[in-house]
């Protein structure tokens, strides 16, 4: 870990704690941690309420929004509902994935 810092001003009357920005020195380490977050599903309730997310630039957030809009459009156009469309990837490498739905 390279450094961490609290975002925003301290406020005693705030309902939720301040967000924390954690900066890693290695992108591979960050991606390993982000990919392992699903393991928190089995954790205690205190840890289930913690939210993690990538720190995206304005351009990356805009690109992600456009891809989500495109996914919703594709889902509406898919009359047979054979496929699921997901927006996945790391920042700078976000793509739409098309996955065939399982039928049981």
N, C-alpha and C. Protein backbone atom coordinates (compact mmCIF):
# COMPACT_ATOMS: atom_id res chain seq x y z
N UNK A 1 0.85 -1.17 0.00
CA UNK A 1 0.00 0.00 0.00
C UNK A 1 0.90 1.23 0.00
N UNK A 2 0.59 2.13 -0.90
CA UNK A 2 1.40 3.34 -1.02
C UNK A 2 0.98 4.38 0.02
N UNK A 3 -0.35 4.66 0.11
CA UNK A 3 -0.86 5.59 1.11
C UNK A 3 -2.38 5.49 1.17
N UNK A 4 -2.95 6.07 2.20
CA UNK A 4 -4.40 6.17 2.29
C UNK A 4 -4.75 7.50 2.93
N UNK A 5 -5.95 7.99 2.59
CA UNK A 5 -6.40 9.25 3.18
C UNK A 5 -7.92 9.28 3.22
N UNK A 6 -8.43 10.00 4.20
CA UNK A 6 -9.87 10.19 4.32
C UNK A 6 -10.30 11.30 3.38
N UNK A 7 -11.46 11.12 2.75
CA UNK A 7 -12.00 12.11 1.84
C UNK A 7 -13.08 12.92 2.54
N UNK A 8 -13.19 14.19 2.22
CA UNK A 8 -14.21 15.04 2.80
C UNK A 8 -13.80 15.59 4.15
N UNK A 9 -14.65 16.45 4.67
CA UNK A 9 -14.38 17.07 5.97
C UNK A 9 -15.03 16.25 7.07
N UNK A 10 -14.38 16.19 8.24
CA UNK A 10 -14.98 15.47 9.36
C UNK A 10 -16.28 16.16 9.80
N UNK A 11 -17.31 15.37 10.08
CA UNK A 11 -18.59 15.90 10.51
C UNK A 11 -19.18 14.95 11.54
N UNK A 12 -19.34 15.43 12.77
CA UNK A 12 -19.85 14.59 13.85
C UNK A 12 -21.30 14.19 13.63
N UNK A 13 -22.06 15.00 12.89
CA UNK A 13 -23.47 14.71 12.69
C UNK A 13 -23.72 13.84 11.45
N UNK A 14 -22.69 13.43 10.78
CA UNK A 14 -22.85 12.62 9.56
C UNK A 14 -23.39 11.24 9.92
N UNK A 15 -24.24 10.70 9.06
CA UNK A 15 -24.83 9.38 9.29
C UNK A 15 -23.86 8.25 8.98
N UNK A 16 -22.99 8.47 8.03
CA UNK A 16 -22.05 7.42 7.65
C UNK A 16 -20.61 7.93 7.79
N UNK A 17 -19.68 7.03 7.96
CA UNK A 17 -18.28 7.45 8.07
C UNK A 17 -17.76 8.01 6.75
N UNK A 18 -16.69 8.75 6.83
CA UNK A 18 -16.10 9.33 5.63
C UNK A 18 -15.48 8.25 4.76
N UNK A 19 -15.51 8.43 3.46
CA UNK A 19 -14.86 7.46 2.57
C UNK A 19 -13.35 7.53 2.71
N UNK A 20 -12.71 6.42 2.43
CA UNK A 20 -11.25 6.32 2.51
C UNK A 20 -10.72 5.99 1.12
N UNK A 21 -9.73 6.73 0.67
CA UNK A 21 -9.06 6.44 -0.59
C UNK A 21 -7.77 5.70 -0.27
N UNK A 22 -7.63 4.50 -0.82
CA UNK A 22 -6.42 3.70 -0.61
C UNK A 22 -5.69 3.66 -1.94
N UNK A 23 -4.45 4.07 -1.92
CA UNK A 23 -3.63 4.09 -3.13
C UNK A 23 -2.59 2.98 -3.03
N UNK A 24 -2.60 2.10 -4.03
CA UNK A 24 -1.64 1.01 -4.07
C UNK A 24 -0.50 1.37 -5.00
N UNK A 25 0.68 0.90 -4.69
CA UNK A 25 1.83 1.15 -5.53
C UNK A 25 1.88 0.24 -6.74
N UNK A 26 1.11 -0.86 -6.70
CA UNK A 26 1.14 -1.84 -7.77
C UNK A 26 -0.29 -2.12 -8.25
N UNK A 27 -0.55 -1.96 -9.53
CA UNK A 27 -1.88 -2.18 -10.10
C UNK A 27 -2.30 -3.64 -9.98
N UNK A 28 -1.35 -4.56 -10.07
CA UNK A 28 -1.66 -5.99 -9.97
C UNK A 28 -2.21 -6.31 -8.58
N UNK A 29 -1.61 -5.74 -7.55
CA UNK A 29 -2.08 -5.96 -6.18
C UNK A 29 -3.49 -5.42 -6.01
N UNK A 30 -3.74 -4.24 -6.52
CA UNK A 30 -5.08 -3.64 -6.42
C UNK A 30 -6.11 -4.53 -7.11
N UNK A 31 -5.80 -5.00 -8.30
CA UNK A 31 -6.74 -5.85 -9.04
C UNK A 31 -6.97 -7.18 -8.33
N UNK A 32 -5.95 -7.73 -7.70
CA UNK A 32 -6.11 -8.97 -6.94
C UNK A 32 -7.07 -8.76 -5.78
N UNK A 33 -6.93 -7.64 -5.10
CA UNK A 33 -7.81 -7.33 -3.97
C UNK A 33 -9.24 -7.11 -4.46
N UNK A 34 -9.41 -6.35 -5.53
CA UNK A 34 -10.74 -6.09 -6.05
C UNK A 34 -11.42 -7.38 -6.52
N UNK A 35 -10.66 -8.31 -7.08
CA UNK A 35 -11.23 -9.58 -7.54
C UNK A 35 -11.56 -10.51 -6.39
N UNK A 36 -11.00 -10.28 -5.21
CA UNK A 36 -11.23 -11.15 -4.06
C UNK A 36 -12.35 -10.64 -3.15
N UNK A 37 -12.97 -9.53 -3.48
CA UNK A 37 -13.98 -8.94 -2.61
C UNK A 37 -15.24 -9.78 -2.47
N UNK A 38 -15.49 -10.68 -3.41
CA UNK A 38 -16.68 -11.52 -3.32
C UNK A 38 -16.64 -12.39 -2.06
N UNK A 39 -15.46 -12.62 -1.50
CA UNK A 39 -15.32 -13.44 -0.30
C UNK A 39 -15.94 -12.77 0.92
N UNK A 40 -16.18 -11.47 0.86
CA UNK A 40 -16.79 -10.76 1.97
C UNK A 40 -18.28 -11.09 2.12
N UNK A 41 -18.87 -11.78 1.16
CA UNK A 41 -20.27 -12.18 1.26
C UNK A 41 -20.50 -13.08 2.48
N UNK A 42 -19.48 -13.85 2.83
CA UNK A 42 -19.59 -14.77 3.95
C UNK A 42 -19.05 -14.17 5.25
N UNK A 43 -18.73 -12.91 5.24
CA UNK A 43 -18.13 -12.26 6.41
C UNK A 43 -19.22 -11.82 7.39
N UNK A 44 -18.78 -11.28 8.52
CA UNK A 44 -19.70 -10.75 9.51
C UNK A 44 -20.44 -9.54 8.94
N UNK A 45 -21.58 -9.19 9.55
CA UNK A 45 -22.41 -8.10 9.04
C UNK A 45 -21.67 -6.77 8.97
N UNK A 46 -20.75 -6.54 9.88
CA UNK A 46 -20.00 -5.28 9.89
C UNK A 46 -19.24 -5.10 8.58
N UNK A 47 -18.66 -6.17 8.06
CA UNK A 47 -17.85 -6.08 6.85
C UNK A 47 -18.70 -6.13 5.58
N UNK A 48 -19.91 -6.65 5.66
CA UNK A 48 -20.78 -6.71 4.49
C UNK A 48 -21.25 -5.32 4.08
N UNK A 49 -21.25 -4.37 5.00
CA UNK A 49 -21.72 -3.02 4.70
C UNK A 49 -20.64 -2.15 4.07
N UNK A 50 -19.43 -2.64 3.96
CA UNK A 50 -18.33 -1.88 3.38
C UNK A 50 -18.46 -1.93 1.86
N UNK A 51 -18.33 -0.79 1.20
CA UNK A 51 -18.46 -0.70 -0.24
C UNK A 51 -17.09 -0.36 -0.83
N UNK A 52 -16.71 -1.09 -1.85
CA UNK A 52 -15.44 -0.87 -2.54
C UNK A 52 -15.72 -0.48 -3.98
N UNK A 53 -14.87 0.35 -4.54
CA UNK A 53 -15.02 0.75 -5.93
C UNK A 53 -13.72 1.30 -6.47
N UNK A 54 -13.61 1.23 -7.79
CA UNK A 54 -12.43 1.80 -8.45
C UNK A 54 -12.54 3.32 -8.44
N UNK A 55 -11.43 3.99 -8.33
CA UNK A 55 -11.38 5.45 -8.41
C UNK A 55 -11.26 5.80 -9.89
N UNK A 56 -12.37 6.21 -10.50
CA UNK A 56 -12.41 6.46 -11.93
C UNK A 56 -12.30 7.95 -12.23
N UNK A 57 -11.72 8.26 -13.38
CA UNK A 57 -11.70 9.64 -13.86
C UNK A 57 -13.07 9.97 -14.43
N UNK A 58 -13.31 11.25 -14.74
CA UNK A 58 -14.58 11.66 -15.33
C UNK A 58 -14.82 10.94 -16.65
N UNK A 59 -13.78 10.82 -17.46
CA UNK A 59 -13.91 10.16 -18.76
C UNK A 59 -14.25 8.68 -18.59
N UNK A 60 -13.63 8.02 -17.62
CA UNK A 60 -13.91 6.60 -17.38
C UNK A 60 -15.33 6.41 -16.86
N UNK A 61 -15.81 7.31 -16.00
CA UNK A 61 -17.19 7.22 -15.51
C UNK A 61 -18.17 7.42 -16.65
N UNK A 62 -17.88 8.39 -17.54
CA UNK A 62 -18.75 8.66 -18.69
C UNK A 62 -18.78 7.45 -19.63
N UNK A 63 -17.62 6.85 -19.87
CA UNK A 63 -17.55 5.66 -20.72
C UNK A 63 -18.37 4.51 -20.12
N UNK A 64 -18.27 4.34 -18.81
CA UNK A 64 -19.01 3.28 -18.13
C UNK A 64 -20.51 3.53 -18.23
N UNK A 65 -20.94 4.77 -18.07
CA UNK A 65 -22.36 5.11 -18.20
C UNK A 65 -22.87 4.81 -19.60
N UNK A 66 -22.08 5.14 -20.62
CA UNK A 66 -22.48 4.87 -21.99
C UNK A 66 -22.60 3.37 -22.24
N UNK A 67 -21.68 2.60 -21.70
CA UNK A 67 -21.74 1.15 -21.88
C UNK A 67 -22.95 0.56 -21.17
N UNK A 68 -23.28 1.06 -19.98
CA UNK A 68 -24.46 0.57 -19.26
C UNK A 68 -25.73 0.90 -20.05
N UNK A 69 -25.80 2.08 -20.64
CA UNK A 69 -26.94 2.45 -21.48
C UNK A 69 -27.04 1.51 -22.67
N UNK A 70 -25.91 1.21 -23.28
CA UNK A 70 -25.87 0.29 -24.43
C UNK A 70 -26.34 -1.11 -24.02
N UNK A 71 -25.94 -1.57 -22.83
CA UNK A 71 -26.35 -2.88 -22.34
C UNK A 71 -27.87 -2.92 -22.14
N UNK A 72 -28.43 -1.88 -21.54
CA UNK A 72 -29.88 -1.84 -21.32
C UNK A 72 -30.62 -1.86 -22.65
N UNK A 73 -30.09 -1.14 -23.63
CA UNK A 73 -30.69 -1.13 -24.97
C UNK A 73 -30.65 -2.52 -25.59
N UNK A 74 -29.52 -3.20 -25.49
CA UNK A 74 -29.39 -4.55 -26.05
C UNK A 74 -30.33 -5.53 -25.35
N UNK A 75 -30.47 -5.40 -24.02
CA UNK A 75 -31.36 -6.30 -23.28
C UNK A 75 -32.81 -6.10 -23.75
N UNK A 76 -33.21 -4.86 -23.98
CA UNK A 76 -34.56 -4.58 -24.43
C UNK A 76 -34.80 -5.10 -25.85
N UNK A 77 -33.78 -5.06 -26.70
CA UNK A 77 -33.91 -5.52 -28.09
C UNK A 77 -33.85 -7.04 -28.22
N UNK A 78 -33.29 -7.72 -27.26
CA UNK A 78 -33.15 -9.18 -27.32
C UNK A 78 -34.51 -9.81 -26.98
N UNK A 79 -35.29 -10.12 -28.01
CA UNK A 79 -36.65 -10.61 -27.82
C UNK A 79 -36.69 -12.01 -27.21
N UNK A 80 -35.72 -12.84 -27.56
CA UNK A 80 -35.71 -14.21 -27.07
C UNK A 80 -35.10 -14.33 -25.68
N UNK A 81 -34.46 -13.29 -25.21
CA UNK A 81 -33.80 -13.25 -23.91
C UNK A 81 -32.84 -14.45 -23.78
N UNK A 82 -32.06 -14.67 -24.81
CA UNK A 82 -31.09 -15.76 -24.80
C UNK A 82 -29.79 -15.38 -24.11
N UNK A 83 -29.48 -14.11 -24.13
CA UNK A 83 -28.19 -13.67 -23.64
C UNK A 83 -28.33 -12.65 -22.52
N UNK A 84 -27.30 -12.60 -21.68
CA UNK A 84 -27.16 -11.55 -20.68
C UNK A 84 -26.01 -10.67 -21.12
N UNK A 85 -26.13 -9.38 -20.93
CA UNK A 85 -25.09 -8.44 -21.28
C UNK A 85 -24.61 -7.78 -19.99
N UNK A 86 -23.31 -7.80 -19.78
CA UNK A 86 -22.71 -7.23 -18.58
C UNK A 86 -21.60 -6.27 -18.95
N UNK A 87 -21.45 -5.21 -18.16
CA UNK A 87 -20.32 -4.30 -18.30
C UNK A 87 -19.28 -4.75 -17.28
N UNK A 88 -18.13 -5.18 -17.75
CA UNK A 88 -17.09 -5.72 -16.87
C UNK A 88 -15.72 -5.24 -17.33
N UNK A 89 -14.78 -5.29 -16.40
CA UNK A 89 -13.39 -4.97 -16.71
C UNK A 89 -12.80 -4.00 -15.71
N UNK A 90 -11.52 -3.81 -15.85
CA UNK A 90 -10.81 -2.88 -14.99
C UNK A 90 -10.83 -1.49 -15.62
N UNK A 91 -10.62 -0.45 -14.84
CA UNK A 91 -10.61 0.90 -15.41
C UNK A 91 -9.64 0.99 -16.59
N UNK A 92 -10.12 1.57 -17.66
CA UNK A 92 -9.32 1.67 -18.87
C UNK A 92 -9.50 0.48 -19.79
N UNK A 93 -10.17 -0.57 -19.30
CA UNK A 93 -10.37 -1.78 -20.09
C UNK A 93 -11.79 -2.32 -19.86
N UNK A 94 -12.77 -1.41 -19.83
CA UNK A 94 -14.15 -1.79 -19.57
C UNK A 94 -14.81 -2.18 -20.89
N UNK A 95 -15.49 -3.34 -20.88
CA UNK A 95 -16.12 -3.85 -22.10
C UNK A 95 -17.50 -4.44 -21.78
N UNK A 96 -18.26 -4.68 -22.84
CA UNK A 96 -19.54 -5.37 -22.72
C UNK A 96 -19.29 -6.85 -22.98
N UNK A 97 -19.76 -7.69 -22.07
CA UNK A 97 -19.64 -9.14 -22.23
C UNK A 97 -21.02 -9.71 -22.54
N UNK A 98 -21.08 -10.57 -23.53
CA UNK A 98 -22.33 -11.23 -23.92
C UNK A 98 -22.24 -12.68 -23.47
N UNK A 99 -23.18 -13.10 -22.61
CA UNK A 99 -23.14 -14.44 -22.04
C UNK A 99 -24.47 -15.12 -22.31
N UNK A 100 -24.39 -16.35 -22.81
CA UNK A 100 -25.62 -17.11 -23.07
C UNK A 100 -26.26 -17.50 -21.74
N UNK A 101 -27.57 -17.30 -21.65
CA UNK A 101 -28.31 -17.65 -20.45
C UNK A 101 -28.41 -19.15 -20.32
N UNK A 102 -28.33 -19.63 -19.11
CA UNK A 102 -28.51 -21.06 -18.86
C UNK A 102 -30.00 -21.36 -18.77
N UNK A 103 -30.39 -22.47 -19.32
CA UNK A 103 -31.77 -22.92 -19.19
C UNK A 103 -31.78 -24.21 -18.42
N UNK A 104 -32.56 -24.26 -17.39
CA UNK A 104 -32.61 -25.46 -16.54
C UNK A 104 -33.88 -26.21 -16.78
